Amino acid sequence: MQAIILAAGMGRRLGELTRNNTKCMLEVNGVRLIDRYLHILSSCHLSRVIIVVGYEARNLMDYIGHRYDDVLKIEYIHNDIYDKTNN
């Protein structure tokens, strides 16, 4: 089984909160949303997790880095038209 996380959108409705980062990089109660997603998915015995990136892709990819290598196989797909398709 696989999982896909759609993380390419700009999150315009969140205004200043997403000016320099994607929605999944926002913190709720001190934990980034992407960490919540990946932590939950790490217990699902997935063959891979695909993250669709676009807006501020490098920030997200740098943040995730190799921190989940021991529990998840993460692949990235870049959506070059994220600003038109909203993901």
N, C-alpha and C. Protein backbone atom coordinates (compact mmCIF):
# COMPACT_ATOMS: atom_id res chain seq x y z
N MET A 1 0.84 -1.16 0.00
CA MET A 1 0.00 0.00 0.00
C MET A 1 0.90 1.24 0.00
N GLN A 2 0.35 2.32 -0.58
CA GLN A 2 1.08 3.57 -0.69
C GLN A 2 0.21 4.71 -0.17
N ALA A 3 0.85 5.83 0.08
CA ALA A 3 0.12 7.04 0.49
C ALA A 3 0.64 8.21 -0.34
N ILE A 4 -0.26 9.15 -0.60
CA ILE A 4 0.11 10.37 -1.30
C ILE A 4 -0.27 11.55 -0.42
N ILE A 5 0.68 12.45 -0.23
CA ILE A 5 0.42 13.70 0.50
C ILE A 5 0.49 14.83 -0.51
N LEU A 6 -0.60 15.56 -0.65
CA LEU A 6 -0.65 16.70 -1.57
C LEU A 6 -0.17 17.93 -0.82
N ALA A 7 1.03 18.38 -1.12
CA ALA A 7 1.64 19.49 -0.37
C ALA A 7 2.19 20.57 -1.29
N ALA A 8 1.62 20.70 -2.50
CA ALA A 8 2.16 21.65 -3.47
C ALA A 8 1.49 23.01 -3.42
N GLY A 9 0.29 23.09 -2.87
CA GLY A 9 -0.47 24.34 -2.91
C GLY A 9 0.15 25.46 -2.10
N MET A 10 -0.32 26.67 -2.39
CA MET A 10 0.23 27.87 -1.76
C MET A 10 -0.47 28.23 -0.45
N GLY A 11 -1.61 27.69 -0.17
CA GLY A 11 -2.32 28.00 1.07
C GLY A 11 -2.67 29.46 1.20
N ARG A 12 -3.10 30.07 0.12
CA ARG A 12 -3.38 31.51 0.10
C ARG A 12 -4.40 31.95 1.14
N ARG A 13 -5.37 31.11 1.42
CA ARG A 13 -6.41 31.50 2.38
C ARG A 13 -5.87 31.64 3.80
N LEU A 14 -4.69 31.11 4.06
CA LEU A 14 -4.08 31.24 5.38
C LEU A 14 -3.21 32.49 5.49
N GLY A 15 -3.15 33.26 4.42
CA GLY A 15 -2.46 34.55 4.44
C GLY A 15 -1.03 34.49 4.92
N GLU A 16 -0.73 35.30 5.93
CA GLU A 16 0.64 35.43 6.46
C GLU A 16 1.20 34.11 6.98
N LEU A 17 0.36 33.20 7.42
CA LEU A 17 0.84 31.93 7.98
C LEU A 17 1.60 31.10 6.95
N THR A 18 1.26 31.27 5.68
CA THR A 18 1.91 30.47 4.64
C THR A 18 2.70 31.33 3.65
N ARG A 19 3.08 32.51 4.07
CA ARG A 19 3.83 33.40 3.17
C ARG A 19 5.15 32.76 2.72
N ASN A 20 5.86 32.08 3.61
CA ASN A 20 7.16 31.50 3.28
C ASN A 20 7.23 29.99 3.45
N ASN A 21 6.09 29.34 3.62
CA ASN A 21 6.06 27.90 3.80
C ASN A 21 4.73 27.32 3.38
N THR A 22 4.68 26.03 3.21
CA THR A 22 3.44 25.35 2.85
C THR A 22 2.59 25.13 4.09
N LYS A 23 1.32 24.78 3.86
CA LYS A 23 0.41 24.53 4.97
C LYS A 23 0.92 23.41 5.88
N CYS A 24 1.49 22.38 5.28
CA CYS A 24 1.90 21.23 6.09
C CYS A 24 3.09 21.54 6.99
N MET A 25 3.71 22.70 6.81
CA MET A 25 4.80 23.10 7.69
C MET A 25 4.31 23.92 8.88
N LEU A 26 3.03 24.22 8.93
CA LEU A 26 2.48 24.96 10.07
C LEU A 26 2.51 24.09 11.31
N GLU A 27 2.68 24.73 12.45
CA GLU A 27 2.68 24.01 13.73
C GLU A 27 1.32 24.13 14.39
N VAL A 28 0.86 23.02 14.94
CA VAL A 28 -0.34 22.98 15.77
C VAL A 28 0.07 22.34 17.08
N ASN A 29 -0.09 23.06 18.16
CA ASN A 29 0.35 22.57 19.48
C ASN A 29 1.81 22.12 19.47
N GLY A 30 2.65 22.89 18.77
CA GLY A 30 4.09 22.63 18.78
C GLY A 30 4.58 21.54 17.85
N VAL A 31 3.70 20.97 17.04
CA VAL A 31 4.11 19.90 16.12
C VAL A 31 3.70 20.29 14.70
N ARG A 32 4.65 20.21 13.77
CA ARG A 32 4.33 20.54 12.38
C ARG A 32 3.36 19.50 11.81
N LEU A 33 2.44 19.96 10.97
CA LEU A 33 1.45 19.06 10.38
C LEU A 33 2.10 17.93 9.61
N ILE A 34 3.17 18.21 8.86
CA ILE A 34 3.83 17.16 8.09
C ILE A 34 4.39 16.08 9.01
N ASP A 35 4.87 16.45 10.18
CA ASP A 35 5.36 15.45 11.13
C ASP A 35 4.22 14.59 11.65
N ARG A 36 3.08 15.19 11.88
CA ARG A 36 1.90 14.41 12.30
C ARG A 36 1.54 13.39 11.23
N TYR A 37 1.46 13.84 9.97
CA TYR A 37 1.10 12.94 8.87
C TYR A 37 2.08 11.78 8.77
N LEU A 38 3.37 12.11 8.74
CA LEU A 38 4.38 11.07 8.54
C LEU A 38 4.48 10.13 9.74
N HIS A 39 4.28 10.65 10.93
CA HIS A 39 4.28 9.79 12.11
C HIS A 39 3.14 8.77 12.04
N ILE A 40 1.97 9.23 11.68
CA ILE A 40 0.82 8.32 11.55
C ILE A 40 1.08 7.30 10.44
N LEU A 41 1.56 7.77 9.30
CA LEU A 41 1.81 6.86 8.17
C LEU A 41 2.92 5.86 8.47
N SER A 42 3.85 6.21 9.33
CA SER A 42 4.96 5.29 9.64
C SER A 42 4.49 4.02 10.33
N SER A 43 3.31 4.04 10.90
CA SER A 43 2.78 2.84 11.56
C SER A 43 1.88 2.01 10.65
N CYS A 44 1.79 2.38 9.38
CA CYS A 44 0.86 1.71 8.46
C CYS A 44 1.53 0.70 7.53
N HIS A 45 2.81 0.46 7.68
CA HIS A 45 3.53 -0.53 6.87
C HIS A 45 3.36 -0.28 5.37
N LEU A 46 3.63 0.94 4.94
CA LEU A 46 3.47 1.33 3.55
C LEU A 46 4.72 1.01 2.74
N SER A 47 4.53 0.73 1.46
CA SER A 47 5.68 0.50 0.60
C SER A 47 6.37 1.81 0.24
N ARG A 48 5.60 2.90 0.19
CA ARG A 48 6.19 4.22 -0.04
C ARG A 48 5.17 5.31 0.23
N VAL A 49 5.70 6.50 0.47
CA VAL A 49 4.90 7.71 0.62
C VAL A 49 5.36 8.68 -0.45
N ILE A 50 4.42 9.15 -1.24
CA ILE A 50 4.72 10.11 -2.29
C ILE A 50 4.23 11.47 -1.81
N ILE A 51 5.10 12.46 -1.85
CA ILE A 51 4.72 13.81 -1.47
C ILE A 51 4.80 14.68 -2.71
N VAL A 52 3.65 15.26 -3.09
CA VAL A 52 3.60 16.17 -4.23
C VAL A 52 3.97 17.55 -3.71
N VAL A 53 5.05 18.10 -4.24
CA VAL A 53 5.55 19.40 -3.78
C VAL A 53 5.46 20.42 -4.92
N GLY A 54 5.50 21.68 -4.54
CA GLY A 54 5.46 22.77 -5.52
C GLY A 54 5.91 24.05 -4.85
N TYR A 55 4.96 24.77 -4.26
CA TYR A 55 5.26 26.01 -3.55
C TYR A 55 6.19 25.73 -2.37
N GLU A 56 7.30 26.45 -2.31
CA GLU A 56 8.30 26.30 -1.25
C GLU A 56 8.74 24.84 -1.08
N ALA A 57 8.87 24.15 -2.20
CA ALA A 57 9.24 22.73 -2.18
C ALA A 57 10.56 22.47 -1.46
N ARG A 58 11.55 23.30 -1.71
CA ARG A 58 12.87 23.09 -1.11
C ARG A 58 12.79 23.17 0.41
N ASN A 59 12.01 24.11 0.95
CA ASN A 59 11.86 24.21 2.41
C ASN A 59 11.31 22.91 2.99
N LEU A 60 10.28 22.38 2.36
CA LEU A 60 9.66 21.15 2.85
C LEU A 60 10.62 19.97 2.73
N MET A 61 11.25 19.83 1.57
CA MET A 61 12.15 18.71 1.36
C MET A 61 13.37 18.78 2.29
N ASP A 62 13.89 19.98 2.50
CA ASP A 62 15.02 20.13 3.42
C ASP A 62 14.61 19.81 4.85
N TYR A 63 13.41 20.22 5.23
CA TYR A 63 12.94 19.94 6.58
C TYR A 63 12.80 18.44 6.81
N ILE A 64 12.17 17.75 5.88
CA ILE A 64 11.98 16.30 6.03
C ILE A 64 13.33 15.59 5.98
N GLY A 65 14.17 16.02 5.03
CA GLY A 65 15.52 15.46 4.93
C GLY A 65 15.54 13.95 5.01
N HIS A 66 16.28 13.44 5.98
CA HIS A 66 16.41 11.99 6.15
C HIS A 66 15.81 11.52 7.48
N ARG A 67 15.03 12.36 8.12
CA ARG A 67 14.54 12.03 9.45
C ARG A 67 13.60 10.83 9.50
N TYR A 68 13.02 10.45 8.36
CA TYR A 68 12.09 9.31 8.34
C TYR A 68 12.64 8.12 7.56
N ASP A 69 13.90 8.17 7.17
CA ASP A 69 14.49 7.12 6.35
C ASP A 69 14.37 5.73 6.95
N ASP A 70 14.43 5.63 8.26
CA ASP A 70 14.39 4.31 8.89
C ASP A 70 12.99 3.72 8.96
N VAL A 71 11.95 4.51 8.69
CA VAL A 71 10.58 3.99 8.79
C VAL A 71 9.74 4.17 7.54
N LEU A 72 10.14 5.06 6.63
CA LEU A 72 9.34 5.33 5.43
C LEU A 72 10.23 5.52 4.21
N LYS A 73 9.75 5.04 3.09
CA LYS A 73 10.39 5.34 1.81
C LYS A 73 9.62 6.52 1.22
N ILE A 74 10.24 7.69 1.21
CA ILE A 74 9.57 8.91 0.75
C ILE A 74 10.11 9.30 -0.62
N GLU A 75 9.17 9.55 -1.54
CA GLU A 75 9.51 10.04 -2.87
C GLU A 75 8.80 11.36 -3.09
N TYR A 76 9.41 12.22 -3.88
CA TYR A 76 8.83 13.53 -4.16
C TYR A 76 8.48 13.64 -5.64
N ILE A 77 7.35 14.24 -5.91
CA ILE A 77 6.96 14.59 -7.28
C ILE A 77 6.74 16.09 -7.28
N HIS A 78 7.38 16.78 -8.21
CA HIS A 78 7.26 18.24 -8.26
C HIS A 78 6.19 18.64 -9.26
N ASN A 79 5.21 19.40 -8.80
CA ASN A 79 4.17 19.96 -9.65
C ASN A 79 4.60 21.37 -10.04
N ASP A 80 5.05 21.52 -11.27
CA ASP A 80 5.55 22.82 -11.74
C ASP A 80 4.46 23.87 -11.88
N ILE A 81 3.21 23.45 -11.99
CA ILE A 81 2.11 24.41 -12.18
C ILE A 81 1.24 24.48 -10.93
N TYR A 82 1.85 24.33 -9.77
CA TYR A 82 1.11 24.35 -8.50
C TYR A 82 0.31 25.63 -8.32
N ASP A 83 0.79 26.74 -8.87
CA ASP A 83 0.09 28.02 -8.69
C ASP A 83 -1.15 28.13 -9.58
N LYS A 84 -1.31 27.21 -10.52
CA LYS A 84 -2.48 27.19 -11.38
C LYS A 84 -3.46 26.09 -10.99
N THR A 85 -2.93 24.96 -10.54
CA THR A 85 -3.78 23.81 -10.21
C THR A 85 -4.09 23.73 -8.72
N ASN A 86 -3.40 24.53 -7.92
CA ASN A 86 -3.55 24.55 -6.47
C ASN A 86 -3.13 23.25 -5.80
N ASN A 87 -2.39 22.42 -6.47
CA ASN A 87 -1.74 21.25 -5.93
C ASN A 87 -1.27 20.42 -7.07
